[in-house]
Protein backbone atom coordinates (compact mmCIF):
# COMPACT_ATOMS: atom_id res chain seq x y z
CA MET A 1 -215.72 -35.12 -105.20
CA LYS A 2 -213.02 -32.42 -105.15
CA THR A 3 -213.81 -31.75 -101.50
CA LYS A 4 -213.37 -35.45 -100.60
CA LEU A 5 -210.06 -35.66 -102.47
CA LEU A 6 -208.78 -32.52 -100.72
CA THR A 7 -209.76 -33.91 -97.33
CA LEU A 8 -207.95 -37.21 -97.99
CA LEU A 9 -204.85 -35.35 -99.16
CA LEU A 10 -204.76 -33.20 -96.01
CA CYS A 11 -205.17 -36.26 -93.78
CA SER A 12 -202.35 -38.01 -95.59
CA LEU A 13 -200.06 -35.02 -95.13
CA LEU A 14 -200.93 -34.73 -91.43
CA PHE A 15 -200.19 -38.37 -90.68
CA SER A 16 -196.94 -38.39 -92.65
CA GLY A 17 -195.78 -35.36 -90.68
CA CYS A 18 -196.08 -37.16 -87.30
CA GLY A 19 -192.51 -38.26 -86.88
CA ASN A 20 -189.18 -36.88 -85.80
CA ALA A 21 -188.16 -33.24 -86.01
CA GLU A 22 -187.27 -33.65 -89.69
CA GLY A 23 -190.69 -35.10 -90.49
CA GLY A 24 -189.41 -38.68 -90.88
CA PRO A 25 -190.92 -41.75 -89.23
CA VAL A 26 -190.32 -42.37 -85.53
CA ASP A 27 -188.05 -45.31 -84.76
CA PRO A 28 -189.60 -47.86 -82.43
CA PRO A 29 -188.11 -47.86 -78.91
CA GLY A 30 -185.18 -50.21 -78.46
CA PRO A 31 -185.45 -53.26 -76.22
CA VAL A 32 -185.09 -52.56 -72.51
CA ASP A 33 -182.50 -54.74 -70.80
CA PRO A 34 -184.35 -56.12 -67.76
CA SER A 35 -182.42 -56.44 -64.53
CA GLU A 36 -181.73 -59.87 -63.07
CA THR A 37 -182.76 -60.43 -59.48
CA TYR A 38 -181.83 -63.30 -57.17
CA LYS A 39 -182.41 -63.97 -53.47
CA VAL A 40 -180.10 -65.95 -51.19
CA ASP A 41 -182.13 -67.05 -48.15
CA PHE A 42 -179.80 -68.36 -45.44
CA SER A 43 -182.75 -69.34 -43.25
CA LYS A 44 -183.60 -72.05 -45.81
CA TYR A 45 -180.16 -73.65 -45.94
CA ASP A 46 -180.28 -77.36 -45.09
CA LEU A 47 -177.80 -77.88 -42.27
CA GLY A 48 -178.19 -81.64 -42.56
CA GLY A 49 -179.11 -82.29 -38.96
CA VAL A 50 -176.33 -80.25 -37.33
CA GLU A 51 -176.76 -77.00 -35.47
CA GLN A 52 -174.19 -75.03 -37.45
CA ILE A 53 -171.40 -74.95 -39.99
CA GLN A 54 -168.59 -72.47 -39.49
CA SER A 55 -165.59 -70.92 -41.14
CA SER A 56 -163.14 -73.13 -39.26
CA ASP A 57 -164.49 -76.03 -41.35
CA PRO A 58 -162.31 -76.41 -44.49
CA THR A 59 -165.44 -77.13 -46.57
CA PHE A 60 -167.36 -74.09 -45.30
CA LYS A 61 -166.46 -71.71 -48.13
CA THR A 62 -167.29 -74.30 -50.79
CA LYS A 63 -170.64 -75.07 -49.18
CA ILE A 64 -171.67 -71.42 -48.94
CA LEU A 65 -170.48 -70.64 -52.49
CA SER A 66 -172.46 -73.62 -53.81
CA TYR A 67 -175.58 -72.43 -51.98
CA ILE A 68 -175.21 -68.88 -53.30
CA ASN A 69 -174.84 -70.22 -56.85
CA SER A 70 -177.88 -72.47 -56.47
CA SER A 71 -179.87 -69.28 -55.76
CA CYS A 72 -178.07 -66.97 -58.22
CA SER A 73 -177.94 -69.06 -61.39
CA ASN A 74 -174.20 -69.76 -60.94
CA GLN A 75 -173.24 -66.09 -61.09
CA ALA A 76 -170.88 -66.18 -58.08
CA GLU A 77 -167.20 -66.84 -58.73
CA SER A 78 -165.84 -66.88 -55.18
CA PHE A 79 -166.76 -66.67 -51.51
CA GLU A 80 -164.18 -65.64 -48.92
CA CYS A 81 -164.54 -65.06 -45.19
CA THR A 82 -162.62 -64.63 -41.97
CA GLU A 83 -161.94 -67.97 -40.30
CA ASN A 84 -161.77 -69.39 -36.75
CA ASN A 85 -165.51 -69.31 -36.05
CA ARG A 86 -165.89 -65.65 -37.00
CA VAL A 87 -168.49 -66.53 -39.65
CA ARG A 88 -171.12 -69.19 -38.99
CA LEU A 89 -174.33 -70.42 -40.55
CA VAL A 90 -176.21 -71.46 -37.42
CA ASN A 91 -179.69 -72.44 -36.31
CA ASN A 92 -180.36 -71.25 -32.75
CA SER A 93 -183.24 -72.99 -30.98
CA PHE A 94 -184.84 -71.00 -28.18
CA PRO A 95 -186.92 -72.08 -25.16
CA GLY A 96 -190.63 -71.47 -24.65
CA ASP A 97 -192.58 -70.16 -27.61
CA PHE A 98 -189.65 -68.32 -29.19
CA GLY A 99 -188.95 -70.98 -31.83
CA SER A 100 -185.63 -70.69 -33.63
CA ALA A 101 -183.57 -68.35 -35.80
CA GLN A 102 -181.27 -69.42 -38.63
CA GLY A 103 -178.93 -67.08 -40.43
CA LEU A 104 -175.37 -66.25 -41.38
CA VAL A 105 -173.75 -64.83 -38.23
CA LEU A 106 -170.81 -62.47 -38.74
CA ALA A 107 -168.16 -61.70 -36.07
CA SER A 108 -167.62 -63.16 -32.60
CA GLN A 109 -167.40 -61.74 -29.11
CA ASN A 110 -163.73 -60.86 -29.57
CA TYR A 111 -163.10 -60.62 -33.32
CA ASP A 112 -164.48 -58.98 -36.44
CA GLY A 113 -166.06 -61.10 -39.15
CA GLU A 114 -166.23 -60.41 -42.88
CA ILE A 115 -167.53 -62.10 -46.02
CA THR A 116 -166.60 -61.21 -49.60
CA ILE A 117 -168.56 -62.49 -52.60
CA THR A 118 -167.29 -61.92 -56.14
CA PHE A 119 -169.63 -62.29 -59.12
CA ALA A 120 -169.09 -62.69 -62.84
CA LYS A 121 -171.00 -59.48 -63.54
CA GLU A 122 -171.59 -56.14 -61.85
CA ILE A 123 -173.97 -56.03 -58.90
CA LYS A 124 -176.26 -53.02 -59.24
CA SER A 125 -177.66 -53.31 -55.74
CA VAL A 126 -178.16 -55.64 -52.80
CA THR A 127 -180.99 -55.65 -50.28
CA ILE A 128 -180.09 -57.10 -46.89
CA LYS A 129 -182.34 -58.50 -44.19
CA ALA A 130 -180.42 -58.61 -40.92
CA GLN A 131 -180.84 -58.54 -37.17
CA GLN A 132 -178.89 -57.67 -34.04
CA TYR A 133 -177.48 -60.90 -32.63
CA TYR A 134 -179.35 -62.25 -29.61
CA ASN A 135 -179.73 -65.48 -27.68
CA LEU A 136 -182.36 -66.78 -25.26
CA THR A 137 -181.69 -69.31 -22.52
CA SER A 138 -183.80 -71.01 -19.86
CA GLY A 139 -183.36 -70.55 -16.13
CA TYR A 140 -181.84 -73.32 -14.00
CA GLN A 141 -183.87 -75.94 -12.16
CA GLU A 142 -187.09 -74.34 -10.79
CA ASP A 143 -186.45 -70.99 -12.47
CA THR A 144 -189.02 -70.71 -15.27
CA HIS A 145 -187.77 -67.39 -16.62
CA ILE A 146 -186.16 -66.95 -20.05
CA TYR A 147 -183.01 -64.84 -20.13
CA PRO A 148 -181.96 -62.82 -23.19
CA THR A 149 -178.45 -61.74 -24.16
CA TYR A 150 -177.77 -59.10 -26.79
CA ASP A 151 -174.67 -58.03 -28.67
CA SER A 152 -174.01 -54.36 -29.50
CA GLN A 153 -174.21 -53.07 -25.92
CA LYS A 154 -172.23 -50.34 -24.20
CA TRP A 155 -172.08 -49.38 -20.55
CA ASN A 156 -173.47 -45.99 -19.54
CA GLU A 157 -171.37 -44.71 -16.63
CA GLU A 158 -173.93 -42.07 -15.65
CA THR A 159 -176.91 -44.42 -15.37
CA SER A 160 -174.95 -47.61 -14.55
CA GLU A 161 -176.80 -49.62 -17.14
CA TYR A 162 -176.36 -51.04 -20.61
CA VAL A 163 -177.60 -49.09 -23.60
CA PRO A 164 -177.68 -50.20 -27.25
CA ASP A 165 -174.62 -49.35 -29.30
CA GLU A 166 -174.90 -47.74 -32.72
CA PRO A 167 -175.39 -50.05 -35.77
CA THR A 168 -172.04 -51.00 -37.29
CA LEU A 169 -172.73 -53.51 -40.07
CA GLU A 170 -170.81 -52.32 -43.12
CA ILE A 171 -171.65 -53.16 -46.73
CA ASN A 172 -168.91 -52.05 -49.15
CA GLU A 173 -168.02 -49.35 -46.58
CA GLN A 174 -171.65 -48.24 -46.27
CA VAL A 175 -173.33 -48.54 -42.85
CA MET A 176 -176.64 -50.36 -42.44
CA SER A 177 -178.34 -47.43 -40.73
CA SER A 178 -181.72 -49.18 -40.61
CA LEU A 179 -180.37 -51.84 -38.23
CA VAL A 180 -182.03 -51.50 -34.82
CA ASN A 181 -180.17 -52.51 -31.66
CA ILE A 182 -182.19 -53.03 -28.48
CA THR A 183 -181.06 -53.44 -24.89
CA TYR A 184 -182.19 -55.09 -21.67
CA SER A 185 -185.48 -54.30 -19.97
CA TYR A 186 -186.77 -55.62 -16.66
CA ASP A 187 -190.05 -56.51 -15.03
CA ASP A 188 -191.20 -55.34 -11.61
CA TYR A 189 -189.25 -58.17 -9.95
CA GLY A 190 -185.97 -57.37 -11.65
CA TYR A 191 -186.04 -60.22 -14.17
CA THR A 192 -184.95 -59.48 -17.72
CA ILE A 193 -187.79 -59.46 -20.23
CA PRO A 194 -187.06 -61.55 -23.35
CA VAL A 195 -187.60 -59.39 -26.43
CA VAL A 196 -186.65 -60.38 -29.98
CA PRO A 197 -184.86 -57.61 -31.93
CA PRO A 198 -186.55 -56.56 -35.19
CA ILE A 199 -185.41 -57.94 -38.53
CA CYS A 200 -184.35 -54.90 -40.54
CA GLU A 201 -184.05 -54.38 -44.27
CA GLN A 202 -182.03 -51.95 -46.36
CA LYS A 203 -181.04 -51.58 -50.00
CA PHE A 204 -177.51 -50.57 -51.02
CA ASP A 205 -176.15 -49.45 -54.37
CA ILE A 206 -173.08 -51.55 -55.14
CA ASN A 207 -172.06 -51.04 -58.80
CA SER A 208 -169.22 -53.50 -58.43
CA GLU A 209 -168.57 -57.16 -59.03
CA THR A 210 -167.62 -57.60 -55.37
CA LEU A 211 -169.76 -57.44 -52.25
CA SER A 212 -168.09 -57.17 -48.82
CA ILE A 213 -170.01 -57.27 -45.53
CA THR A 214 -168.29 -56.68 -42.18
CA ALA A 215 -169.49 -56.99 -38.58
CA PHE A 216 -167.38 -56.15 -35.57
CA ALA A 217 -166.30 -57.78 -32.31
CA SER A 218 -169.12 -58.03 -29.74
CA GLN A 219 -171.47 -56.56 -32.37
CA ARG A 220 -172.47 -59.73 -34.15
CA VAL A 221 -175.19 -59.59 -36.78
CA ARG A 222 -177.44 -62.37 -38.06
CA ILE A 223 -178.02 -62.06 -41.82
CA TYR A 224 -181.15 -63.76 -43.12
CA GLU A 225 -181.33 -62.74 -46.78
CA LEU A 226 -179.30 -61.14 -49.56
CA SER A 227 -181.32 -60.03 -52.60
CA PHE A 228 -179.18 -59.13 -55.59
CA GLU A 229 -179.96 -57.01 -58.63
CA PHE A 230 -177.60 -57.32 -61.59
């Protein structure tokens, strides 16, 4: 009986000693504040039967802000952008089997384009899906070829050909280094080969209530998605 009592006493002492450094009980971990995540998918925007809406439209900013808030639980306070067709939400339809591409296009051939979104709380990070701007057109009359055009090109004097320029999309002064720019290639008969540039993705730390994205003249970028973490 004494042995059993001694064993119980030792067990009680051992269990009571499993605590903090002073031998007291361990406090339960506090609640972890989960991050909020939202995705704005510009490819899903309902254009209402038109090909595009653009920043020259006086209702453009309101429409885009409303769409962002519908995806972000009304967290966005404002949406600003450069005007005069330097920011567009456009659906490009392509010939053949190339389908279409819809996204928020920043910049124009001659001017930079920028958007600025301000939120009610701090943005921890944003993940962007974007693509070098391209277009595909059909040949005239009996010409059955499809002709691509690409932004972000520069002329190489030594080889007398176009080569892809470096990525220049800036997100809060950070460069989207994952963005891939391609250039023209040709078949054995000298016709350009239509190739669709890859859709690229990159995550950026923001730690601010404001997100600014800038593309530059003749280096347009088509943005498909913005995924926010608050």
